[in-house]
Amino acid sequence: MDNQQERLHFYIGYLLGMIDGEGSYFIATKYKRKGIVYYMPRIFISNSDEKILGITREAMEFLGLPFYFWEARPTTENRKPVHQIRVIGIKRCKRMTDLLLKYPSGKR
């Protein structure tokens, strides 16, 4: 794809599809201090195939979105390794959702 506009729409569509199919949004406990619980939003995209997440990483880098790449090695022989792209924190999640909400998506 030589056209940057086409690449932008492809990457946004791919990222929306990955979040819809393999991802999750949630709010988790960050820490507790003096009886007050502090929460933090998180966006995770998980898959056992690193090649699939490679395109997602490429899309997020192209879009300028911050993320962490996390990998868990299996503890037993019959399990596959798990790879995750993690977006953690209110500012990072807001930046990602503000960009993605500009583009409508949905299932028929």
Protein backbone atom coordinates (compact mmCIF):
# COMPACT_ATOMS: atom_id res chain seq x y z
CA MET A 1 0.00 0.00 0.00
CA ASP A 2 1.74 3.09 -1.23
CA ASN A 3 -1.14 5.44 -0.50
CA GLN A 4 -0.89 6.71 3.09
CA GLN A 5 -4.65 7.32 3.32
CA GLU A 6 -5.36 3.70 2.32
CA ARG A 7 -2.76 2.47 4.81
CA LEU A 8 -4.33 4.59 7.56
CA HIS A 9 -7.79 3.13 6.95
CA PHE A 10 -6.41 -0.41 6.65
CA TYR A 11 -4.53 -0.13 9.95
CA ILE A 12 -7.48 1.41 11.78
CA GLY A 13 -9.81 -1.30 10.44
CA TYR A 14 -7.33 -4.02 11.35
CA LEU A 15 -6.91 -2.62 14.87
CA LEU A 16 -10.69 -2.35 15.36
CA GLY A 17 -11.10 -5.94 14.18
CA MET A 18 -8.38 -7.21 16.51
CA ILE A 19 -9.92 -5.44 19.50
CA ASP A 20 -13.35 -6.80 18.58
CA GLY A 21 -12.14 -10.37 18.04
CA GLU A 22 -9.16 -10.83 20.36
CA GLY A 23 -9.21 -7.83 22.66
CA SER A 24 -10.74 -6.63 25.87
CA TYR A 25 -11.37 -3.33 27.64
CA PHE A 26 -11.55 -3.37 31.42
CA ILE A 27 -10.87 -1.42 34.58
CA ALA A 28 -8.55 -3.04 37.10
CA THR A 29 -7.42 -2.14 40.59
CA LYS A 30 -4.22 -0.13 40.49
CA TYR A 31 -3.53 0.03 44.21
CA LYS A 32 -5.12 0.72 47.61
CA ARG A 33 -4.02 3.54 49.85
CA LYS A 34 -5.57 4.48 53.19
CA GLY A 35 -8.75 2.56 52.44
CA ILE A 36 -9.24 4.17 49.02
CA VAL A 37 -9.07 1.96 45.93
CA TYR A 38 -7.55 3.47 42.78
CA TYR A 39 -8.48 2.03 39.39
CA MET A 40 -6.81 2.05 35.99
CA PRO A 41 -8.31 1.34 32.53
CA ARG A 42 -6.62 -1.26 30.35
CA ILE A 43 -6.90 -2.51 26.78
CA PHE A 44 -5.44 -5.94 25.99
CA ILE A 45 -5.18 -7.74 22.66
CA SER A 46 -4.12 -11.38 23.11
CA ASN A 47 -3.17 -14.15 20.70
CA SER A 48 -0.91 -17.17 20.64
CA ASP A 49 0.35 -16.36 17.12
CA GLU A 50 3.04 -13.69 17.24
CA LYS A 51 2.72 -13.00 13.49
CA ILE A 52 -0.86 -11.82 13.88
CA LEU A 53 0.12 -9.45 16.64
CA GLY A 54 3.07 -8.28 14.54
CA ILE A 55 0.67 -6.57 12.13
CA THR A 56 -1.18 -5.08 15.10
CA ARG A 57 2.11 -3.74 16.49
CA GLU A 58 2.92 -2.28 13.07
CA ALA A 59 -0.52 -0.61 12.93
CA MET A 60 -0.16 0.89 16.41
CA GLU A 61 3.33 2.19 15.63
CA PHE A 62 2.05 3.73 12.37
CA LEU A 63 -0.82 5.41 14.24
CA GLY A 64 1.54 6.64 16.98
CA LEU A 65 -0.24 4.81 19.79
CA PRO A 66 1.74 3.83 22.90
CA PHE A 67 1.65 0.17 23.96
CA TYR A 68 3.56 -2.60 25.72
CA PHE A 69 4.28 -5.98 24.17
CA TRP A 70 4.03 -8.78 26.74
CA GLU A 71 4.83 -12.44 26.32
CA ALA A 72 4.15 -15.36 28.67
CA ARG A 73 5.97 -18.61 28.17
CA PRO A 74 3.94 -21.75 28.87
CA THR A 75 4.50 -23.50 32.17
CA THR A 76 3.51 -26.91 30.82
CA GLU A 77 4.40 -28.68 27.59
CA ASN A 78 0.90 -28.79 26.10
CA ARG A 79 0.31 -25.04 26.18
CA LYS A 80 1.15 -22.37 23.63
CA PRO A 81 2.89 -19.12 24.52
CA VAL A 82 0.60 -16.13 24.94
CA HIS A 83 1.45 -12.77 23.41
CA GLN A 84 -0.34 -9.57 24.37
CA ILE A 85 -0.37 -5.97 23.34
CA ARG A 86 -1.24 -3.91 26.39
CA VAL A 87 -2.38 -0.31 26.61
CA ILE A 88 -2.41 0.66 30.28
CA GLY A 89 -3.35 3.97 31.86
CA ILE A 90 -6.02 6.62 31.48
CA LYS A 91 -4.08 8.88 29.08
CA ARG A 92 -2.95 6.03 26.81
CA CYS A 93 -6.42 4.43 26.69
CA LYS A 94 -8.07 7.80 26.04
CA ARG A 95 -5.66 8.56 23.22
CA MET A 96 -6.42 5.20 21.60
CA THR A 97 -10.19 5.34 22.02
CA ASP A 98 -10.38 8.97 20.83
CA LEU A 99 -8.67 7.95 17.59
CA LEU A 100 -10.68 4.76 17.03
CA LEU A 101 -14.10 6.23 17.88
CA LYS A 102 -13.79 8.62 14.92
CA TYR A 103 -14.18 5.63 12.60
CA PRO A 104 -17.48 3.76 12.74
CA SER A 105 -17.36 0.00 13.05
CA GLY A 106 -19.85 -2.73 13.77
CA LYS A 107 -21.16 -6.13 12.83
CA ARG A 108 -24.01 -6.90 10.52
